[in-house]
Amino acid sequence: MILQPAQLLPYAMPALLAWVYYRRVRRNFGRQTWKPKRTWFRLILISLVALMLCAAAIFVPHAALPMAGGLAAGLLLGWFGLRHTHAEWQGGVRTYLPNPWVGAVLTLALLGRLAWRFAHGGGMQGMQRQPSALTMAIAAALVAYTLYYSIGLILRMRELGEHPPYA
């Protein structure tokens, strides 16, 4: 029996989502090597998502105010997270140590919302419905946090310089 791509989709999507969330959670803990190209790519991609969310705020009924609240919460968490992120040279490589609590809070909020949506009639069929205001607010918080944190991290790494200080 040969499986068609449409038959694999119900199994592939959860696996893909699990991998994406694993990578996100892993970036919240422990010392991270600074990878400027990856950060710039993420910044460009999340800027495009931010533009789409702005358009969604216009077209999704009752989403503008919750999204503004999510934006404010995301910026506040980004400020707090960046303030508690330590950047330094280690072994000739620029590294940073993110605050694990902020990333964990955002990850749990997103995963909790996804679990709630799937448990209450979501799933692939629920993806065709219009997103709720709470989902849009959480998305706005994640996007605002990522934008603020990425820009701040780029600036912080520029302060460290291109080469490690001499001992």
C-alpha atoms as a PDB file:
ATOM      1  CA  MET A   1       0.000   0.000   0.000  1.00  0.00           C
ATOM      2  CA  ILE A   2       1.420   3.356  -1.055  1.00  0.00           C
ATOM      3  CA  LEU A   3       0.476   6.380   1.037  1.00  0.00           C
ATOM      4  CA  GLN A   4      -0.449   9.556  -0.753  1.00  0.00           C
ATOM      5  CA  PRO A   5       0.865  12.934   0.521  1.00  0.00           C
ATOM      6  CA  ALA A   6      -2.630  13.901   1.691  1.00  0.00           C
ATOM      7  CA  GLN A   7      -2.705  10.790   3.893  1.00  0.00           C
ATOM      8  CA  LEU A   8       0.626  11.738   5.497  1.00  0.00           C
ATOM      9  CA  LEU A   9      -0.407  15.311   6.361  1.00  0.00           C
ATOM     10  CA  PRO A  10      -2.157  14.448   9.661  1.00  0.00           C
ATOM     11  CA  TYR A  11       1.083  12.820  10.818  1.00  0.00           C
ATOM     12  CA  ALA A  12       3.562  15.254   9.278  1.00  0.00           C
ATOM     13  CA  MET A  13       2.074  18.467  10.693  1.00  0.00           C
ATOM     14  CA  PRO A  14       2.281  17.462  14.374  1.00  0.00           C
ATOM     15  CA  ALA A  15       5.824  16.179  13.811  1.00  0.00           C
ATOM     16  CA  LEU A  16       6.819  19.447  12.161  1.00  0.00           C
ATOM     17  CA  LEU A  17       5.215  21.500  14.938  1.00  0.00           C
ATOM     18  CA  ALA A  18       6.970  19.386  17.591  1.00  0.00           C
ATOM     19  CA  TRP A  19      10.323  19.982  15.913  1.00  0.00           C
ATOM     20  CA  VAL A  20       9.723  23.748  15.651  1.00  0.00           C
ATOM     21  CA  TYR A  21       8.744  23.980  19.319  1.00  0.00           C
ATOM     22  CA  TYR A  22      11.687  21.856  20.392  1.00  0.00           C
ATOM     23  CA  ARG A  23      14.041  24.273  18.628  1.00  0.00           C
ATOM     24  CA  ARG A  24      12.283  27.258  20.185  1.00  0.00           C
ATOM     25  CA  VAL A  25      12.475  25.841  23.690  1.00  0.00           C
ATOM     26  CA  ARG A  26      16.107  24.841  23.222  1.00  0.00           C
ATOM     27  CA  ARG A  27      17.017  28.449  22.333  1.00  0.00           C
ATOM     28  CA  ASN A  28      15.641  29.612  25.704  1.00  0.00           C
ATOM     29  CA  PHE A  29      18.103  27.697  27.842  1.00  0.00           C
ATOM     30  CA  GLY A  30      21.869  27.723  28.161  1.00  0.00           C
ATOM     31  CA  ARG A  31      24.605  29.661  26.432  1.00  0.00           C
ATOM     32  CA  GLN A  32      23.887  30.352  22.770  1.00  0.00           C
ATOM     33  CA  THR A  33      26.419  31.026  20.041  1.00  0.00           C
ATOM     34  CA  TRP A  34      25.750  34.277  18.212  1.00  0.00           C
ATOM     35  CA  LYS A  35      24.780  33.595  14.600  1.00  0.00           C
ATOM     36  CA  PRO A  36      24.184  36.963  12.931  1.00  0.00           C
ATOM     37  CA  LYS A  37      22.863  35.596   9.628  1.00  0.00           C
ATOM     38  CA  ARG A  38      20.258  33.504  11.435  1.00  0.00           C
ATOM     39  CA  THR A  39      19.231  36.473  13.580  1.00  0.00           C
ATOM     40  CA  TRP A  40      18.885  38.750  10.538  1.00  0.00           C
ATOM     41  CA  PHE A  41      16.891  36.093   8.692  1.00  0.00           C
ATOM     42  CA  ARG A  42      14.595  35.689  11.718  1.00  0.00           C
ATOM     43  CA  LEU A  43      14.231  39.471  11.979  1.00  0.00           C
ATOM     44  CA  ILE A  44      13.220  39.788   8.313  1.00  0.00           C
ATOM     45  CA  LEU A  45      10.829  36.857   8.528  1.00  0.00           C
ATOM     46  CA  ILE A  46       9.186  38.054  11.749  1.00  0.00           C
ATOM     47  CA  SER A  47       8.857  41.562  10.244  1.00  0.00           C
ATOM     48  CA  LEU A  48       6.827  40.062   7.411  1.00  0.00           C
ATOM     49  CA  VAL A  49       4.691  38.203   9.950  1.00  0.00           C
ATOM     50  CA  ALA A  50       4.226  41.493  11.832  1.00  0.00           C
ATOM     51  CA  LEU A  51       2.928  43.130   8.652  1.00  0.00           C
ATOM     52  CA  MET A  52       0.481  40.272   8.147  1.00  0.00           C
ATOM     53  CA  LEU A  53      -0.690  40.598  11.767  1.00  0.00           C
ATOM     54  CA  CYS A  54      -1.263  44.312  11.243  1.00  0.00           C
ATOM     55  CA  ALA A  55      -3.455  43.471   8.254  1.00  0.00           C
ATOM     56  CA  ALA A  56      -5.236  40.819  10.330  1.00  0.00           C
ATOM     57  CA  ALA A  57      -5.935  43.393  13.039  1.00  0.00           C
ATOM     58  CA  ILE A  58      -7.900  45.327  10.441  1.00  0.00           C
ATOM     59  CA  PHE A  59      -9.869  42.406   9.018  1.00  0.00           C
ATOM     60  CA  VAL A  60     -10.465  40.094  12.004  1.00  0.00           C
ATOM     61  CA  PRO A  61     -13.431  41.367  14.021  1.00  0.00           C
ATOM     62  CA  HIS A  62     -12.677  42.387  17.604  1.00  0.00           C
ATOM     63  CA  ALA A  63      -8.952  41.570  17.279  1.00  0.00           C
ATOM     64  CA  ALA A  64      -7.375  45.033  17.182  1.00  0.00           C
ATOM     65  CA  LEU A  65      -7.613  45.776  20.928  1.00  0.00           C
ATOM     66  CA  PRO A  66      -6.395  42.344  22.124  1.00  0.00           C
ATOM     67  CA  MET A  67      -3.587  42.511  19.585  1.00  0.00           C
ATOM     68  CA  ALA A  68      -2.563  45.939  20.896  1.00  0.00           C
ATOM     69  CA  GLY A  69      -2.467  44.433  24.391  1.00  0.00           C
ATOM     70  CA  GLY A  70      -0.403  41.518  23.095  1.00  0.00           C
ATOM     71  CA  LEU A  71       1.936  43.962  21.384  1.00  0.00           C
ATOM     72  CA  ALA A  72       2.440  45.891  24.622  1.00  0.00           C
ATOM     73  CA  ALA A  73       2.996  42.692  26.614  1.00  0.00           C
ATOM     74  CA  GLY A  74       5.466  41.393  24.016  1.00  0.00           C
ATOM     75  CA  LEU A  75       7.458  44.637  24.038  1.00  0.00           C
ATOM     76  CA  LEU A  76       7.565  44.617  27.838  1.00  0.00           C
ATOM     77  CA  LEU A  77       8.716  41.000  27.915  1.00  0.00           C
ATOM     78  CA  GLY A  78      11.284  41.744  25.204  1.00  0.00           C
ATOM     79  CA  TRP A  79      12.671  44.641  27.234  1.00  0.00           C
ATOM     80  CA  PHE A  80      12.789  42.508  30.377  1.00  0.00           C
ATOM     81  CA  GLY A  81      14.337  39.539  28.564  1.00  0.00           C
ATOM     82  CA  LEU A  82      16.983  41.660  26.859  1.00  0.00           C
ATOM     83  CA  ARG A  83      17.808  43.409  30.115  1.00  0.00           C
ATOM     84  CA  HIS A  84      18.504  39.998  31.686  1.00  0.00           C
ATOM     85  CA  THR A  85      20.477  38.581  28.744  1.00  0.00           C
ATOM     86  CA  HIS A  86      24.244  38.447  29.165  1.00  0.00           C
ATOM     87  CA  ALA A  87      26.460  38.776  26.072  1.00  0.00           C
ATOM     88  CA  GLU A  88      30.175  38.026  26.119  1.00  0.00           C
ATOM     89  CA  TRP A  89      33.111  36.581  24.264  1.00  0.00           C
ATOM     90  CA  GLN A  90      33.817  32.990  25.162  1.00  0.00           C
ATOM     91  CA  GLY A  91      36.507  30.944  23.472  1.00  0.00           C
ATOM     92  CA  GLY A  92      36.868  33.537  20.702  1.00  0.00           C
ATOM     93  CA  VAL A  93      33.142  33.363  19.872  1.00  0.00           C
ATOM     94  CA  ARG A  94      30.399  35.853  20.691  1.00  0.00           C
ATOM     95  CA  THR A  95      27.817  34.199  22.907  1.00  0.00           C
ATOM     96  CA  TYR A  96      24.769  35.220  24.867  1.00  0.00           C
ATOM     97  CA  LEU A  97      22.908  33.716  27.774  1.00  0.00           C
ATOM     98  CA  PRO A  98      19.161  34.411  27.449  1.00  0.00           C
ATOM     99  CA  ASN A  99      16.805  34.683  30.378  1.00  0.00           C
ATOM    100  CA  PRO A 100      15.036  31.313  30.375  1.00  0.00           C
ATOM    101  CA  TRP A 101      11.927  32.521  32.214  1.00  0.00           C
ATOM    102  CA  VAL A 102      10.717  34.964  29.601  1.00  0.00           C
ATOM    103  CA  GLY A 103      11.100  32.493  26.753  1.00  0.00           C
ATOM    104  CA  ALA A 104       9.456  29.778  28.831  1.00  0.00           C
ATOM    105  CA  VAL A 105       6.456  31.991  29.609  1.00  0.00           C
ATOM    106  CA  LEU A 106       5.927  32.838  25.940  1.00  0.00           C
ATOM    107  CA  THR A 107       6.407  29.231  24.845  1.00  0.00           C
ATOM    108  CA  LEU A 108       3.957  27.951  27.465  1.00  0.00           C
ATOM    109  CA  ALA A 109       1.393  30.586  26.488  1.00  0.00           C
ATOM    110  CA  LEU A 110       1.597  29.554  22.852  1.00  0.00           C
ATOM    111  CA  LEU A 111       1.581  25.818  23.544  1.00  0.00           C
ATOM    112  CA  GLY A 112      -1.242  26.198  26.062  1.00  0.00           C
ATOM    113  CA  ARG A 113      -3.335  28.133  23.562  1.00  0.00           C
ATOM    114  CA  LEU A 114      -2.668  25.571  20.826  1.00  0.00           C
ATOM    115  CA  ALA A 115      -3.523  22.690  23.157  1.00  0.00           C
ATOM    116  CA  TRP A 116      -6.753  24.440  24.207  1.00  0.00           C
ATOM    117  CA  ARG A 117      -7.726  25.054  20.604  1.00  0.00           C
ATOM    118  CA  PHE A 118      -7.029  21.472  19.527  1.00  0.00           C
ATOM    119  CA  ALA A 119      -8.828  20.043  22.561  1.00  0.00           C
ATOM    120  CA  HIS A 120     -11.943  22.120  21.933  1.00  0.00           C
ATOM    121  CA  GLY A 121     -12.692  21.336  18.313  1.00  0.00           C
ATOM    122  CA  GLY A 122      -9.525  22.655  16.738  1.00  0.00           C
ATOM    123  CA  GLY A 123      -7.298  20.344  14.805  1.00  0.00           C
ATOM    124  CA  MET A 124      -6.983  20.623  11.073  1.00  0.00           C
ATOM    125  CA  GLN A 125     -10.704  21.333  10.679  1.00  0.00           C
ATOM    126  CA  GLY A 126     -10.477  24.165  13.223  1.00  0.00           C
ATOM    127  CA  MET A 127      -7.710  25.814  11.231  1.00  0.00           C
ATOM    128  CA  GLN A 128     -10.317  26.820   8.660  1.00  0.00           C
ATOM    129  CA  ARG A 129     -12.206  28.937  11.192  1.00  0.00           C
ATOM    130  CA  GLN A 130     -11.355  32.524  11.916  1.00  0.00           C
ATOM    131  CA  PRO A 131      -8.730  32.885  14.684  1.00  0.00           C
ATOM    132  CA  SER A 132      -9.913  34.074  18.073  1.00  0.00           C
ATOM    133  CA  ALA A 133      -8.900  37.384  19.603  1.00  0.00           C
ATOM    134  CA  LEU A 134      -6.877  35.538  22.270  1.00  0.00           C
ATOM    135  CA  THR A 135      -4.900  33.669  19.619  1.00  0.00           C
ATOM    136  CA  MET A 136      -4.218  36.927  17.803  1.00  0.00           C
ATOM    137  CA  ALA A 137      -3.116  38.596  21.055  1.00  0.00           C
ATOM    138  CA  ILE A 138      -0.669  35.788  21.827  1.00  0.00           C
ATOM    139  CA  ALA A 139       0.661  35.922  18.258  1.00  0.00           C
ATOM    140  CA  ALA A 140       1.138  39.691  18.579  1.00  0.00           C
ATOM    141  CA  ALA A 141       2.998  39.210  21.880  1.00  0.00           C
ATOM    142  CA  LEU A 142       5.323  36.600  20.350  1.00  0.00           C
ATOM    143  CA  VAL A 143       6.032  38.757  17.304  1.00  0.00           C
ATOM    144  CA  ALA A 144       6.629  41.918  19.344  1.00  0.00           C
ATOM    145  CA  TYR A 145       8.907  40.043  21.745  1.00  0.00           C
ATOM    146  CA  THR A 146      10.921  38.500  18.918  1.00  0.00           C
ATOM    147  CA  LEU A 147      11.307  41.817  17.081  1.00  0.00           C
ATOM    148  CA  TYR A 148      12.392  43.711  20.189  1.00  0.00           C
ATOM    149  CA  TYR A 149      14.696  40.968  21.404  1.00  0.00           C
ATOM    150  CA  SER A 150      16.334  40.364  17.997  1.00  0.00           C
ATOM    151  CA  ILE A 151      17.005  44.060  17.375  1.00  0.00           C
ATOM    152  CA  GLY A 152      18.338  44.481  20.912  1.00  0.00           C
ATOM    153  CA  LEU A 153      20.562  41.428  20.572  1.00  0.00           C
ATOM    154  CA  ILE A 154      22.010  42.721  17.295  1.00  0.00           C
ATOM    155  CA  LEU A 155      22.837  46.038  18.961  1.00  0.00           C
ATOM    156  CA  ARG A 156      24.311  44.319  22.008  1.00  0.00           C
ATOM    157  CA  MET A 157      26.554  42.130  19.845  1.00  0.00           C
ATOM    158  CA  ARG A 158      27.745  45.184  17.925  1.00  0.00           C
ATOM    159  CA  GLU A 159      28.852  46.661  21.240  1.00  0.00           C
ATOM    160  CA  LEU A 160      31.021  43.583  21.838  1.00  0.00           C
ATOM    161  CA  GLY A 161      32.884  44.272  18.600  1.00  0.00           C
ATOM    162  CA  GLU A 162      33.962  42.016  15.753  1.00  0.00           C
ATOM    163  CA  HIS A 163      37.016  40.577  17.493  1.00  0.00           C
ATOM    164  CA  PRO A 164      37.535  39.385  21.076  1.00  0.00           C
ATOM    165  CA  PRO A 165      39.410  41.747  23.379  1.00  0.00           C
ATOM    166  CA  TYR A 166      43.025  40.872  23.989  1.00  0.00           C
ATOM    167  CA  ALA A 167      43.880  39.492  27.399  1.00  0.00           C
END
